[in-house]
N, C-alpha and C. Protein backbone atom coordinates (compact mmCIF):
# COMPACT_ATOMS: atom_id res chain seq x y z
N UNK A 1 75.63 -63.71 -24.61
CA UNK A 1 74.36 -63.83 -23.86
C UNK A 1 73.19 -63.58 -24.86
N UNK A 2 72.21 -64.43 -24.82
CA UNK A 2 71.05 -64.33 -25.69
C UNK A 2 70.05 -63.32 -25.21
N UNK A 3 69.66 -62.38 -26.04
CA UNK A 3 68.62 -61.37 -25.64
C UNK A 3 67.32 -61.67 -26.42
N UNK A 4 66.18 -61.49 -25.72
CA UNK A 4 64.85 -61.59 -26.33
C UNK A 4 64.60 -60.60 -27.40
N UNK A 5 63.95 -60.97 -28.48
CA UNK A 5 63.68 -59.97 -29.56
C UNK A 5 62.76 -58.88 -29.10
N UNK A 6 63.03 -57.67 -29.46
CA UNK A 6 62.17 -56.62 -29.11
C UNK A 6 60.90 -56.55 -30.02
N UNK A 7 59.80 -56.08 -29.32
CA UNK A 7 58.64 -55.83 -30.12
C UNK A 7 58.59 -54.44 -30.71
N UNK A 8 58.43 -54.40 -31.99
CA UNK A 8 58.49 -53.07 -32.66
C UNK A 8 57.05 -52.66 -33.05
N UNK A 9 56.74 -51.44 -32.68
CA UNK A 9 55.47 -50.83 -32.99
C UNK A 9 55.37 -50.60 -34.52
N UNK A 10 54.31 -51.15 -35.25
CA UNK A 10 54.28 -50.92 -36.63
C UNK A 10 54.24 -49.40 -37.06
N UNK A 11 54.95 -49.01 -38.00
CA UNK A 11 54.99 -47.65 -38.42
C UNK A 11 53.91 -47.43 -39.42
N UNK A 12 53.49 -46.10 -39.46
CA UNK A 12 52.43 -45.81 -40.40
C UNK A 12 52.81 -46.07 -41.81
N UNK A 13 54.06 -46.08 -42.15
CA UNK A 13 54.46 -46.40 -43.54
C UNK A 13 54.47 -47.92 -43.78
N UNK A 14 54.13 -48.67 -42.75
CA UNK A 14 54.13 -50.12 -42.90
C UNK A 14 52.89 -50.47 -43.83
N UNK A 15 53.05 -51.18 -44.91
CA UNK A 15 51.99 -51.53 -45.89
C UNK A 15 50.82 -52.20 -45.20
N UNK A 16 51.07 -52.98 -44.14
CA UNK A 16 50.04 -53.69 -43.44
C UNK A 16 49.11 -52.73 -42.68
N UNK A 17 49.68 -51.71 -42.07
CA UNK A 17 48.95 -50.67 -41.37
C UNK A 17 48.16 -49.87 -42.34
N UNK A 18 48.72 -49.45 -43.44
CA UNK A 18 47.91 -48.81 -44.49
C UNK A 18 46.69 -49.54 -44.99
N UNK A 19 46.91 -50.76 -45.22
CA UNK A 19 45.82 -51.64 -45.74
C UNK A 19 44.71 -51.74 -44.65
N UNK A 20 45.06 -51.92 -43.36
CA UNK A 20 44.14 -52.01 -42.33
C UNK A 20 43.31 -50.69 -42.16
N UNK A 21 44.08 -49.54 -42.30
CA UNK A 21 43.36 -48.27 -42.18
C UNK A 21 42.40 -48.07 -43.33
N UNK A 22 42.79 -48.44 -44.55
CA UNK A 22 41.89 -48.34 -45.73
C UNK A 22 40.62 -49.19 -45.56
N UNK A 23 40.82 -50.44 -45.02
CA UNK A 23 39.65 -51.32 -44.86
C UNK A 23 38.74 -50.76 -43.85
N UNK A 24 39.21 -50.16 -42.76
CA UNK A 24 38.37 -49.55 -41.78
C UNK A 24 37.64 -48.37 -42.24
N UNK A 25 38.33 -47.55 -43.07
CA UNK A 25 37.65 -46.30 -43.66
C UNK A 25 36.59 -46.85 -44.66
N UNK A 26 36.89 -47.78 -45.45
CA UNK A 26 35.87 -48.21 -46.43
C UNK A 26 34.71 -48.77 -45.71
N UNK A 27 34.87 -49.45 -44.60
CA UNK A 27 33.76 -50.09 -43.87
C UNK A 27 32.89 -48.96 -43.28
N UNK A 28 33.49 -47.95 -42.70
CA UNK A 28 32.76 -46.86 -42.15
C UNK A 28 31.92 -46.09 -43.18
N UNK A 29 32.56 -45.86 -44.38
CA UNK A 29 31.92 -45.14 -45.46
C UNK A 29 30.67 -46.02 -45.95
N UNK A 30 30.99 -47.30 -46.16
CA UNK A 30 29.83 -48.17 -46.72
C UNK A 30 28.71 -48.20 -45.71
N UNK A 31 28.92 -48.26 -44.40
CA UNK A 31 27.95 -48.28 -43.40
C UNK A 31 27.17 -46.96 -43.46
N UNK A 32 27.85 -45.87 -43.55
CA UNK A 32 27.23 -44.59 -43.64
C UNK A 32 26.26 -44.44 -44.80
N UNK A 33 26.76 -44.91 -45.97
CA UNK A 33 25.90 -44.90 -47.20
C UNK A 33 24.68 -45.68 -47.06
N UNK A 34 24.83 -46.93 -46.44
CA UNK A 34 23.62 -47.78 -46.31
C UNK A 34 22.65 -47.13 -45.36
N UNK A 35 23.06 -46.64 -44.19
CA UNK A 35 22.17 -46.00 -43.30
C UNK A 35 21.55 -44.78 -43.91
N UNK A 36 22.29 -44.00 -44.67
CA UNK A 36 21.78 -42.81 -45.28
C UNK A 36 20.63 -43.13 -46.37
N UNK A 37 20.91 -44.20 -47.19
CA UNK A 37 19.95 -44.60 -48.17
C UNK A 37 18.66 -45.11 -47.58
N UNK A 38 18.85 -45.80 -46.49
CA UNK A 38 17.61 -46.42 -45.80
C UNK A 38 16.82 -45.35 -45.16
N UNK A 39 17.44 -44.33 -44.59
CA UNK A 39 16.76 -43.30 -43.85
C UNK A 39 16.12 -42.30 -44.83
N UNK A 40 16.53 -42.17 -46.03
CA UNK A 40 16.05 -41.20 -46.97
C UNK A 40 14.76 -41.72 -47.60
N UNK A 41 13.65 -40.94 -47.37
CA UNK A 41 12.36 -41.26 -47.92
C UNK A 41 11.91 -40.07 -48.75
N UNK A 42 10.89 -40.47 -49.55
CA UNK A 42 10.19 -39.45 -50.41
C UNK A 42 8.70 -39.53 -50.18
N UNK A 43 7.99 -38.42 -50.08
CA UNK A 43 6.62 -38.42 -49.95
C UNK A 43 5.85 -38.39 -51.30
N UNK A 44 5.09 -39.37 -51.60
CA UNK A 44 4.40 -39.40 -52.94
C UNK A 44 2.97 -39.66 -52.72
N UNK A 45 2.17 -39.59 -53.74
CA UNK A 45 0.73 -39.83 -53.64
C UNK A 45 0.46 -41.30 -53.90
N UNK A 46 -0.54 -41.83 -53.11
CA UNK A 46 -0.96 -43.22 -53.27
C UNK A 46 -2.49 -43.19 -53.27
N UNK A 47 -3.05 -44.19 -53.99
CA UNK A 47 -4.60 -44.26 -54.17
C UNK A 47 -5.20 -44.70 -52.83
N UNK A 48 -6.11 -43.93 -52.37
CA UNK A 48 -6.77 -44.21 -51.04
C UNK A 48 -7.98 -45.19 -51.35
N UNK A 49 -8.29 -45.42 -52.67
CA UNK A 49 -9.37 -46.32 -53.01
C UNK A 49 -9.16 -46.66 -54.43
N UNK A 50 -9.81 -47.73 -54.95
CA UNK A 50 -9.54 -48.09 -56.37
C UNK A 50 -9.92 -46.98 -57.28
N UNK A 51 -9.07 -46.63 -58.22
CA UNK A 51 -9.24 -45.51 -59.15
C UNK A 51 -9.49 -46.05 -60.56
N UNK A 52 -10.59 -45.94 -61.02
CA UNK A 52 -10.94 -46.45 -62.39
C UNK A 52 -10.71 -45.31 -63.44
N UNK A 53 -10.39 -45.65 -64.69
CA UNK A 53 -10.29 -44.63 -65.72
C UNK A 53 -11.45 -43.78 -65.72
N UNK A 54 -11.12 -42.44 -65.86
CA UNK A 54 -12.22 -41.46 -65.93
C UNK A 54 -12.40 -40.76 -64.54
N UNK A 55 -11.88 -41.41 -63.47
CA UNK A 55 -12.02 -40.83 -62.15
C UNK A 55 -11.17 -39.48 -62.03
N UNK A 56 -11.80 -38.44 -61.52
CA UNK A 56 -11.13 -37.20 -61.29
C UNK A 56 -10.45 -37.31 -59.90
N UNK A 57 -9.10 -37.01 -59.85
CA UNK A 57 -8.37 -37.02 -58.64
C UNK A 57 -8.80 -35.95 -57.69
N UNK A 58 -9.14 -36.30 -56.39
CA UNK A 58 -9.47 -35.29 -55.38
C UNK A 58 -8.58 -35.60 -54.20
N UNK A 59 -8.67 -34.77 -53.19
CA UNK A 59 -7.84 -35.06 -51.98
C UNK A 59 -8.51 -36.14 -51.09
N UNK A 60 -9.67 -36.57 -51.46
CA UNK A 60 -10.29 -37.74 -50.75
C UNK A 60 -9.96 -39.02 -51.25
N UNK A 61 -9.62 -39.15 -52.64
CA UNK A 61 -9.27 -40.46 -53.15
C UNK A 61 -7.83 -40.69 -53.34
N UNK A 62 -6.94 -39.78 -52.83
CA UNK A 62 -5.49 -40.10 -52.74
C UNK A 62 -5.01 -39.62 -51.39
N UNK A 63 -3.86 -40.13 -51.00
CA UNK A 63 -3.32 -39.83 -49.72
C UNK A 63 -1.74 -39.78 -49.86
N UNK A 64 -1.04 -38.97 -49.06
CA UNK A 64 0.46 -38.93 -49.11
C UNK A 64 1.07 -40.09 -48.30
N UNK A 65 2.02 -40.75 -48.83
CA UNK A 65 2.78 -41.76 -48.11
C UNK A 65 4.25 -41.57 -48.32
N UNK A 66 5.04 -41.97 -47.31
CA UNK A 66 6.46 -41.90 -47.36
C UNK A 66 7.04 -43.27 -47.82
N UNK A 67 7.87 -43.25 -48.85
CA UNK A 67 8.46 -44.48 -49.35
C UNK A 67 9.90 -44.23 -49.71
N UNK A 68 10.66 -45.28 -49.84
CA UNK A 68 12.02 -45.21 -50.29
C UNK A 68 12.10 -45.56 -51.79
N UNK A 69 12.48 -44.66 -52.60
CA UNK A 69 12.56 -44.83 -54.06
C UNK A 69 13.96 -44.56 -54.50
N UNK A 70 14.38 -45.23 -55.60
CA UNK A 70 15.70 -44.92 -56.20
C UNK A 70 15.77 -43.45 -56.61
N UNK A 71 16.97 -42.92 -56.55
CA UNK A 71 17.09 -41.45 -56.87
C UNK A 71 16.67 -41.12 -58.28
N UNK A 72 16.82 -42.05 -59.21
CA UNK A 72 16.39 -41.84 -60.58
C UNK A 72 14.92 -42.15 -60.86
N UNK A 73 14.21 -42.46 -59.84
CA UNK A 73 12.78 -42.90 -59.98
C UNK A 73 11.90 -41.62 -60.00
N UNK A 74 11.63 -41.09 -61.16
CA UNK A 74 10.70 -39.91 -61.30
C UNK A 74 9.37 -40.30 -61.82
N UNK A 75 8.98 -41.58 -61.79
CA UNK A 75 7.78 -42.05 -62.35
C UNK A 75 6.52 -41.88 -61.59
N UNK A 76 6.66 -41.42 -60.31
CA UNK A 76 5.52 -41.32 -59.43
C UNK A 76 5.28 -39.87 -58.99
N UNK A 77 4.00 -39.55 -58.73
CA UNK A 77 3.65 -38.16 -58.41
C UNK A 77 4.01 -37.84 -57.01
N UNK A 78 4.89 -36.81 -56.80
CA UNK A 78 5.31 -36.40 -55.48
C UNK A 78 4.08 -35.68 -54.81
N UNK A 79 4.00 -35.79 -53.49
CA UNK A 79 2.96 -35.17 -52.79
C UNK A 79 3.05 -33.69 -52.80
N UNK A 80 4.25 -33.19 -53.09
CA UNK A 80 4.46 -31.75 -53.19
C UNK A 80 3.93 -31.23 -54.50
N UNK A 81 3.58 -32.12 -55.40
CA UNK A 81 3.07 -31.73 -56.73
C UNK A 81 1.50 -31.62 -56.67
N UNK A 82 1.07 -30.43 -56.38
CA UNK A 82 -0.31 -30.22 -56.15
C UNK A 82 -1.17 -30.32 -57.47
N UNK A 83 -0.48 -30.27 -58.61
CA UNK A 83 -1.25 -30.31 -59.83
C UNK A 83 -1.92 -31.67 -60.11
N UNK A 84 -1.65 -32.69 -59.23
CA UNK A 84 -2.30 -33.93 -59.37
C UNK A 84 -3.78 -33.84 -59.15
N UNK A 85 -4.17 -32.98 -58.21
CA UNK A 85 -5.53 -32.77 -57.86
C UNK A 85 -6.25 -32.15 -59.03
N UNK A 86 -7.35 -32.81 -59.49
CA UNK A 86 -8.14 -32.31 -60.59
C UNK A 86 -7.76 -33.04 -61.90
N UNK A 87 -6.62 -33.81 -61.88
CA UNK A 87 -6.33 -34.60 -63.08
C UNK A 87 -7.20 -35.89 -63.21
N UNK A 88 -7.19 -36.48 -64.35
CA UNK A 88 -8.05 -37.61 -64.62
C UNK A 88 -7.26 -38.89 -64.66
N UNK A 89 -7.74 -39.94 -64.10
CA UNK A 89 -7.16 -41.24 -64.10
C UNK A 89 -7.31 -41.85 -65.55
N UNK A 90 -6.19 -42.29 -66.17
CA UNK A 90 -6.23 -42.81 -67.52
C UNK A 90 -6.29 -44.29 -67.60
N UNK A 91 -5.73 -45.00 -66.56
CA UNK A 91 -5.80 -46.45 -66.50
C UNK A 91 -5.98 -46.91 -65.05
N UNK A 92 -6.42 -48.04 -64.79
CA UNK A 92 -6.80 -48.47 -63.42
C UNK A 92 -5.62 -48.36 -62.45
N UNK A 93 -5.90 -47.87 -61.26
CA UNK A 93 -4.92 -47.86 -60.17
C UNK A 93 -5.57 -48.48 -58.91
N UNK A 94 -4.92 -49.54 -58.40
CA UNK A 94 -5.53 -50.27 -57.31
C UNK A 94 -5.37 -49.51 -55.99
N UNK A 95 -6.21 -49.73 -54.96
CA UNK A 95 -6.17 -49.01 -53.69
C UNK A 95 -4.77 -49.37 -53.08
N UNK A 96 -4.07 -48.33 -52.60
CA UNK A 96 -2.77 -48.54 -51.99
C UNK A 96 -1.59 -48.42 -52.88
N UNK A 97 -1.85 -48.47 -54.19
CA UNK A 97 -0.72 -48.36 -55.10
C UNK A 97 -0.26 -46.92 -55.28
N UNK A 98 0.98 -46.73 -55.49
CA UNK A 98 1.49 -45.37 -55.78
C UNK A 98 0.88 -44.90 -57.13
N UNK A 99 0.71 -43.58 -57.25
CA UNK A 99 0.10 -43.01 -58.47
C UNK A 99 1.24 -42.74 -59.49
N UNK A 100 1.26 -43.49 -60.58
CA UNK A 100 2.26 -43.23 -61.58
C UNK A 100 1.89 -41.94 -62.37
N UNK A 101 2.88 -41.19 -62.71
CA UNK A 101 2.68 -39.96 -63.53
C UNK A 101 2.10 -40.28 -64.92
N UNK A 102 2.43 -41.47 -65.42
CA UNK A 102 1.94 -41.81 -66.75
C UNK A 102 0.47 -42.27 -66.78
N UNK A 103 -0.09 -42.51 -65.66
CA UNK A 103 -1.48 -43.03 -65.54
C UNK A 103 -2.48 -41.91 -65.21
N UNK A 104 -2.06 -40.68 -65.23
CA UNK A 104 -2.97 -39.62 -64.93
C UNK A 104 -2.67 -38.48 -65.93
N UNK A 105 -3.69 -37.69 -66.23
CA UNK A 105 -3.51 -36.64 -67.24
C UNK A 105 -4.81 -35.83 -67.42
N UNK A 106 -4.94 -35.14 -68.51
CA UNK A 106 -6.17 -34.41 -68.75
C UNK A 106 -7.23 -35.34 -69.33
N UNK A 107 -8.49 -34.87 -69.22
CA UNK A 107 -9.60 -35.70 -69.68
C UNK A 107 -9.54 -35.93 -71.19
N UNK A 108 -8.87 -35.02 -71.91
CA UNK A 108 -8.63 -35.25 -73.37
C UNK A 108 -7.82 -36.39 -73.76
N UNK A 109 -7.00 -36.84 -72.79
CA UNK A 109 -6.10 -37.94 -73.06
C UNK A 109 -6.72 -39.27 -72.73
N UNK A 110 -7.95 -39.22 -72.20
CA UNK A 110 -8.66 -40.45 -71.82
C UNK A 110 -9.02 -41.31 -73.07
N UNK A 111 -8.70 -42.56 -72.96
CA UNK A 111 -9.00 -43.44 -74.21
C UNK A 111 -10.37 -44.06 -74.10
N UNK A 112 -11.32 -43.32 -73.56
CA UNK A 112 -12.69 -43.93 -73.51
C UNK A 112 -13.62 -42.94 -72.86
N UNK A 113 -14.83 -43.43 -72.48
CA UNK A 113 -15.88 -42.58 -71.90
C UNK A 113 -16.62 -43.27 -70.78
N UNK A 114 -17.15 -42.49 -69.89
CA UNK A 114 -18.01 -43.01 -68.86
C UNK A 114 -19.44 -43.21 -69.45
N UNK A 115 -19.95 -44.40 -69.25
CA UNK A 115 -21.28 -44.70 -69.70
C UNK A 115 -22.15 -45.37 -68.69
N UNK A 116 -23.38 -44.94 -68.50
CA UNK A 116 -24.24 -45.44 -67.51
C UNK A 116 -25.16 -46.53 -68.24
N UNK A 117 -25.20 -47.74 -67.73
CA UNK A 117 -25.95 -48.77 -68.32
C UNK A 117 -27.17 -49.19 -67.48
N UNK A 118 -28.35 -49.05 -68.01
CA UNK A 118 -29.55 -49.52 -67.31
C UNK A 118 -29.66 -51.10 -67.34
N UNK A 119 -29.99 -51.73 -66.27
CA UNK A 119 -29.91 -53.16 -66.24
C UNK A 119 -31.38 -53.64 -65.95
N UNK A 120 -31.80 -54.69 -66.65
CA UNK A 120 -33.04 -55.33 -66.40
C UNK A 120 -32.96 -56.54 -65.52
N UNK A 121 -31.77 -57.01 -65.27
CA UNK A 121 -31.54 -58.21 -64.53
C UNK A 121 -30.81 -57.90 -63.24
N UNK A 122 -30.77 -58.93 -62.35
CA UNK A 122 -30.14 -58.71 -61.10
C UNK A 122 -28.61 -58.47 -61.20
N UNK A 123 -28.12 -57.79 -60.27
CA UNK A 123 -26.64 -57.36 -60.26
C UNK A 123 -25.99 -58.15 -59.17
N UNK A 124 -24.81 -58.76 -59.45
CA UNK A 124 -24.04 -59.47 -58.37
C UNK A 124 -23.75 -58.46 -57.20
N UNK A 125 -23.92 -59.08 -56.01
CA UNK A 125 -23.65 -58.26 -54.80
C UNK A 125 -22.35 -57.70 -54.63
N UNK A 126 -21.34 -58.39 -55.26
CA UNK A 126 -19.94 -57.88 -55.01
C UNK A 126 -19.50 -56.83 -56.00
N UNK A 127 -20.47 -56.43 -56.85
CA UNK A 127 -20.08 -55.41 -57.90
C UNK A 127 -20.19 -54.08 -57.19
N UNK A 128 -19.11 -53.31 -57.27
CA UNK A 128 -19.04 -51.93 -56.72
C UNK A 128 -18.02 -51.13 -57.41
N UNK A 129 -17.88 -49.89 -57.06
CA UNK A 129 -16.80 -49.06 -57.73
C UNK A 129 -15.43 -49.70 -57.58
N UNK A 130 -14.78 -49.81 -58.69
CA UNK A 130 -13.49 -50.50 -58.63
C UNK A 130 -13.50 -51.93 -59.11
N UNK A 131 -14.69 -52.53 -59.17
CA UNK A 131 -14.81 -53.91 -59.67
C UNK A 131 -14.60 -53.94 -61.23
N UNK A 132 -14.30 -55.18 -61.64
CA UNK A 132 -14.16 -55.48 -63.06
C UNK A 132 -15.35 -56.34 -63.48
N UNK A 133 -15.92 -56.07 -64.65
CA UNK A 133 -17.12 -56.85 -65.06
C UNK A 133 -17.07 -57.06 -66.55
N UNK A 134 -17.85 -58.04 -66.98
CA UNK A 134 -18.21 -58.29 -68.42
C UNK A 134 -19.62 -57.85 -68.57
N UNK A 135 -19.94 -57.24 -69.73
CA UNK A 135 -21.35 -56.88 -70.02
C UNK A 135 -21.83 -57.64 -71.22
N UNK A 136 -22.99 -58.32 -71.10
CA UNK A 136 -23.65 -59.04 -72.10
C UNK A 136 -25.00 -58.48 -72.48
N UNK A 137 -25.37 -58.65 -73.76
CA UNK A 137 -26.62 -58.02 -74.23
C UNK A 137 -27.45 -59.12 -74.97
N UNK A 138 -28.77 -58.98 -74.78
CA UNK A 138 -29.72 -59.87 -75.50
C UNK A 138 -30.62 -59.02 -76.32
N UNK A 139 -30.65 -59.16 -77.61
CA UNK A 139 -31.57 -58.40 -78.52
C UNK A 139 -32.96 -58.95 -78.34
N UNK A 140 -33.78 -58.14 -77.73
CA UNK A 140 -35.14 -58.63 -77.49
C UNK A 140 -36.08 -58.53 -78.64
N UNK A 141 -35.56 -57.96 -79.76
CA UNK A 141 -36.39 -57.89 -81.00
C UNK A 141 -36.35 -59.25 -81.71
N UNK A 142 -35.49 -60.10 -81.35
CA UNK A 142 -35.35 -61.37 -81.90
C UNK A 142 -35.91 -62.53 -80.97
N UNK A 143 -36.61 -63.53 -81.58
CA UNK A 143 -37.09 -64.63 -80.79
C UNK A 143 -35.90 -65.45 -80.39
N UNK A 144 -35.85 -65.72 -79.03
CA UNK A 144 -34.83 -66.54 -78.48
C UNK A 144 -33.43 -65.94 -78.81
N UNK A 145 -33.30 -64.66 -78.59
CA UNK A 145 -32.06 -63.97 -78.82
C UNK A 145 -30.96 -64.51 -77.93
N UNK A 146 -29.80 -64.78 -78.58
CA UNK A 146 -28.66 -65.30 -77.77
C UNK A 146 -27.89 -64.18 -77.12
N UNK A 147 -27.42 -64.30 -75.89
CA UNK A 147 -26.58 -63.29 -75.25
C UNK A 147 -25.28 -63.19 -75.99
N UNK A 148 -24.95 -61.85 -76.13
CA UNK A 148 -23.70 -61.53 -76.88
C UNK A 148 -22.88 -60.57 -76.04
N UNK A 149 -21.56 -60.82 -75.94
CA UNK A 149 -20.72 -59.90 -75.13
C UNK A 149 -20.53 -58.59 -75.91
N UNK A 150 -20.76 -57.53 -75.18
CA UNK A 150 -20.56 -56.15 -75.76
C UNK A 150 -19.40 -55.43 -75.07
N UNK A 151 -18.96 -55.91 -73.87
CA UNK A 151 -17.88 -55.23 -73.25
C UNK A 151 -17.18 -56.27 -72.34
N UNK A 152 -15.84 -56.33 -72.41
CA UNK A 152 -15.04 -57.23 -71.59
C UNK A 152 -14.16 -56.46 -70.61
N UNK A 153 -14.14 -57.06 -69.41
CA UNK A 153 -13.19 -56.55 -68.32
C UNK A 153 -13.30 -55.01 -68.18
N UNK A 154 -14.56 -54.55 -68.04
CA UNK A 154 -14.74 -53.10 -67.88
C UNK A 154 -14.60 -52.73 -66.38
N UNK A 155 -14.09 -51.53 -66.16
CA UNK A 155 -13.93 -50.95 -64.84
C UNK A 155 -15.25 -50.29 -64.39
N UNK A 156 -15.79 -50.67 -63.27
CA UNK A 156 -16.98 -50.05 -62.78
C UNK A 156 -16.63 -48.77 -62.02
N UNK A 157 -17.33 -47.68 -62.39
CA UNK A 157 -17.06 -46.43 -61.74
C UNK A 157 -18.02 -46.10 -60.66
N UNK A 158 -19.28 -46.57 -60.79
CA UNK A 158 -20.36 -46.28 -59.77
C UNK A 158 -21.46 -47.26 -59.99
N UNK A 159 -22.18 -47.58 -58.93
CA UNK A 159 -23.41 -48.43 -58.90
C UNK A 159 -24.54 -47.74 -58.28
N UNK A 160 -25.68 -47.74 -59.02
CA UNK A 160 -26.93 -47.18 -58.38
C UNK A 160 -27.89 -48.31 -58.18
N UNK A 161 -28.05 -48.62 -56.85
CA UNK A 161 -29.06 -49.72 -56.49
C UNK A 161 -30.30 -49.09 -55.86
N UNK A 162 -31.44 -49.66 -56.36
CA UNK A 162 -32.74 -49.20 -55.90
C UNK A 162 -33.33 -50.07 -54.81
N UNK A 163 -32.70 -51.30 -54.71
CA UNK A 163 -33.19 -52.27 -53.73
C UNK A 163 -32.15 -52.67 -52.77
N UNK A 164 -32.46 -53.76 -52.01
CA UNK A 164 -31.49 -54.28 -51.03
C UNK A 164 -31.30 -55.69 -51.19
N UNK A 165 -30.71 -56.34 -50.25
CA UNK A 165 -30.48 -57.82 -50.16
C UNK A 165 -29.21 -58.16 -51.04
N UNK A 166 -29.19 -59.42 -51.33
CA UNK A 166 -27.94 -59.95 -51.93
C UNK A 166 -27.88 -59.57 -53.48
N UNK A 167 -29.05 -59.42 -54.05
CA UNK A 167 -29.04 -59.01 -55.47
C UNK A 167 -30.05 -57.89 -55.62
N UNK A 168 -30.02 -57.22 -56.74
CA UNK A 168 -30.93 -56.08 -56.96
C UNK A 168 -31.54 -56.31 -58.39
N UNK A 169 -32.85 -56.27 -58.37
CA UNK A 169 -33.52 -56.47 -59.73
C UNK A 169 -33.70 -55.14 -60.42
N UNK A 170 -34.66 -55.09 -61.29
CA UNK A 170 -34.88 -53.98 -62.25
C UNK A 170 -34.80 -52.63 -61.50
N UNK A 171 -34.29 -51.68 -62.24
CA UNK A 171 -34.12 -50.30 -61.67
C UNK A 171 -32.66 -49.95 -61.30
N UNK A 172 -31.88 -50.99 -61.38
CA UNK A 172 -30.44 -50.72 -61.03
C UNK A 172 -29.67 -50.30 -62.30
N UNK A 173 -28.69 -49.44 -62.10
CA UNK A 173 -27.81 -49.05 -63.17
C UNK A 173 -26.38 -49.13 -62.77
N UNK A 174 -25.46 -49.30 -63.69
CA UNK A 174 -24.09 -49.33 -63.34
C UNK A 174 -23.33 -48.43 -64.34
N UNK A 175 -22.41 -47.64 -63.80
CA UNK A 175 -21.61 -46.76 -64.64
C UNK A 175 -20.24 -47.41 -64.88
N UNK A 176 -19.83 -47.54 -66.10
CA UNK A 176 -18.59 -48.28 -66.39
C UNK A 176 -17.76 -47.44 -67.39
N UNK A 177 -16.52 -47.69 -67.47
CA UNK A 177 -15.62 -47.09 -68.39
C UNK A 177 -15.54 -47.88 -69.67
N UNK A 178 -15.90 -47.20 -70.72
CA UNK A 178 -15.97 -47.91 -72.08
C UNK A 178 -14.78 -47.39 -72.96
N UNK A 179 -13.86 -48.25 -73.43
CA UNK A 179 -12.88 -47.79 -74.29
C UNK A 179 -13.46 -47.32 -75.61
N UNK A 180 -12.73 -46.37 -76.29
CA UNK A 180 -13.32 -45.80 -77.52
C UNK A 180 -13.64 -46.87 -78.54
N UNK A 181 -12.81 -47.97 -78.60
CA UNK A 181 -13.08 -48.93 -79.69
C UNK A 181 -14.36 -49.77 -79.39
N UNK A 182 -14.84 -49.68 -78.18
CA UNK A 182 -16.02 -50.49 -77.86
C UNK A 182 -17.26 -49.64 -77.66
N UNK A 183 -17.05 -48.31 -77.84
CA UNK A 183 -18.07 -47.31 -77.46
C UNK A 183 -19.30 -47.49 -78.39
N UNK A 184 -19.16 -47.64 -79.68
CA UNK A 184 -20.26 -47.68 -80.62
C UNK A 184 -21.10 -48.93 -80.37
N UNK A 185 -20.42 -50.08 -80.06
CA UNK A 185 -21.14 -51.28 -79.85
C UNK A 185 -22.01 -51.20 -78.59
N UNK A 186 -21.45 -50.68 -77.57
CA UNK A 186 -22.19 -50.45 -76.26
C UNK A 186 -23.36 -49.49 -76.48
N UNK A 187 -23.19 -48.36 -77.08
CA UNK A 187 -24.18 -47.41 -77.26
C UNK A 187 -25.32 -47.92 -78.12
N UNK A 188 -25.00 -48.76 -79.14
CA UNK A 188 -25.97 -49.30 -79.98
C UNK A 188 -26.89 -50.34 -79.13
N UNK A 189 -26.27 -51.03 -78.27
CA UNK A 189 -27.08 -51.99 -77.42
C UNK A 189 -27.98 -51.16 -76.45
N UNK A 190 -27.53 -50.04 -75.95
CA UNK A 190 -28.35 -49.22 -75.10
C UNK A 190 -29.53 -48.63 -75.92
N UNK A 191 -29.19 -48.08 -77.04
CA UNK A 191 -30.23 -47.41 -77.90
C UNK A 191 -31.29 -48.37 -78.38
N UNK A 192 -30.89 -49.68 -78.62
CA UNK A 192 -31.83 -50.69 -79.01
C UNK A 192 -32.63 -51.27 -77.90
N UNK A 193 -32.35 -50.85 -76.68
CA UNK A 193 -33.02 -51.30 -75.45
C UNK A 193 -32.84 -52.83 -75.28
N UNK A 194 -31.61 -53.29 -75.63
CA UNK A 194 -31.33 -54.71 -75.39
C UNK A 194 -31.24 -54.91 -73.84
N UNK A 195 -31.53 -56.13 -73.51
CA UNK A 195 -31.45 -56.46 -72.08
C UNK A 195 -29.92 -56.75 -71.74
N UNK A 196 -29.44 -55.88 -70.86
CA UNK A 196 -28.06 -55.93 -70.49
C UNK A 196 -27.87 -56.67 -69.17
N UNK A 197 -26.90 -57.51 -69.05
CA UNK A 197 -26.50 -58.16 -67.90
C UNK A 197 -25.05 -58.00 -67.57
N UNK A 198 -24.76 -57.86 -66.33
CA UNK A 198 -23.40 -57.65 -65.86
C UNK A 198 -22.91 -58.94 -65.17
N UNK A 199 -21.68 -59.37 -65.51
CA UNK A 199 -21.12 -60.59 -64.98
C UNK A 199 -19.88 -60.07 -64.23
N UNK A 200 -19.83 -60.42 -62.95
CA UNK A 200 -18.71 -60.01 -62.10
C UNK A 200 -17.52 -60.85 -62.37
N UNK A 201 -16.29 -60.19 -62.44
CA UNK A 201 -14.96 -60.90 -62.63
C UNK A 201 -14.33 -61.00 -61.25
N UNK A 202 -14.16 -62.23 -60.74
CA UNK A 202 -13.45 -62.32 -59.41
C UNK A 202 -12.06 -61.74 -59.47
N UNK A 203 -11.63 -61.18 -58.31
CA UNK A 203 -10.35 -60.49 -58.29
C UNK A 203 -9.20 -61.41 -58.51
N UNK A 204 -9.34 -62.70 -58.17
CA UNK A 204 -8.23 -63.70 -58.44
C UNK A 204 -8.28 -64.31 -59.75
N UNK A 205 -9.13 -63.79 -60.61
CA UNK A 205 -9.13 -64.29 -61.99
C UNK A 205 -7.89 -63.93 -62.80
N UNK A 206 -7.14 -64.81 -63.38
CA UNK A 206 -5.90 -64.46 -64.10
C UNK A 206 -6.24 -63.56 -65.31
């Protein structure tokens, strides 16, 4: 008499069972690691406004933000690191960018100086703190003096406007960051009372 084959429950020692259990455990562990890494955030400092070289960090121009960073990422200033306040910006930091530790330090480490430039000509309306500009000078001691560039791609730190409207004529001054290697040329133009003009650099300029 023919009997139907019996169904045997797989034993734990069955290689197929062991493989299935290992796959399940690995899947659970991988999911846990992904969820843990996504949920883990770090609070760091970010620029609340454009920070030009020479700017002193205050609690008004930076803000704490929570971000996900690699564990080995120590290049940004943690919000728990209060010594950021009072340090000097060494290179430009755009608004919203995280503050890299390498771009802030003491004023002695600054590679240039803040210089206020008196302007005799109109100033573009879009020039403000955080803008980038070129500065040109005309030697008024020469007949038909040709404009000469004295500073390229300078960071604007502050603007003092005495008038209103779309442009501002005489009486306006602009404070810019001047790298050390351009400092003498700029100061010579100011001392000689050359006519200085500021040319705005559009943000989308390559």
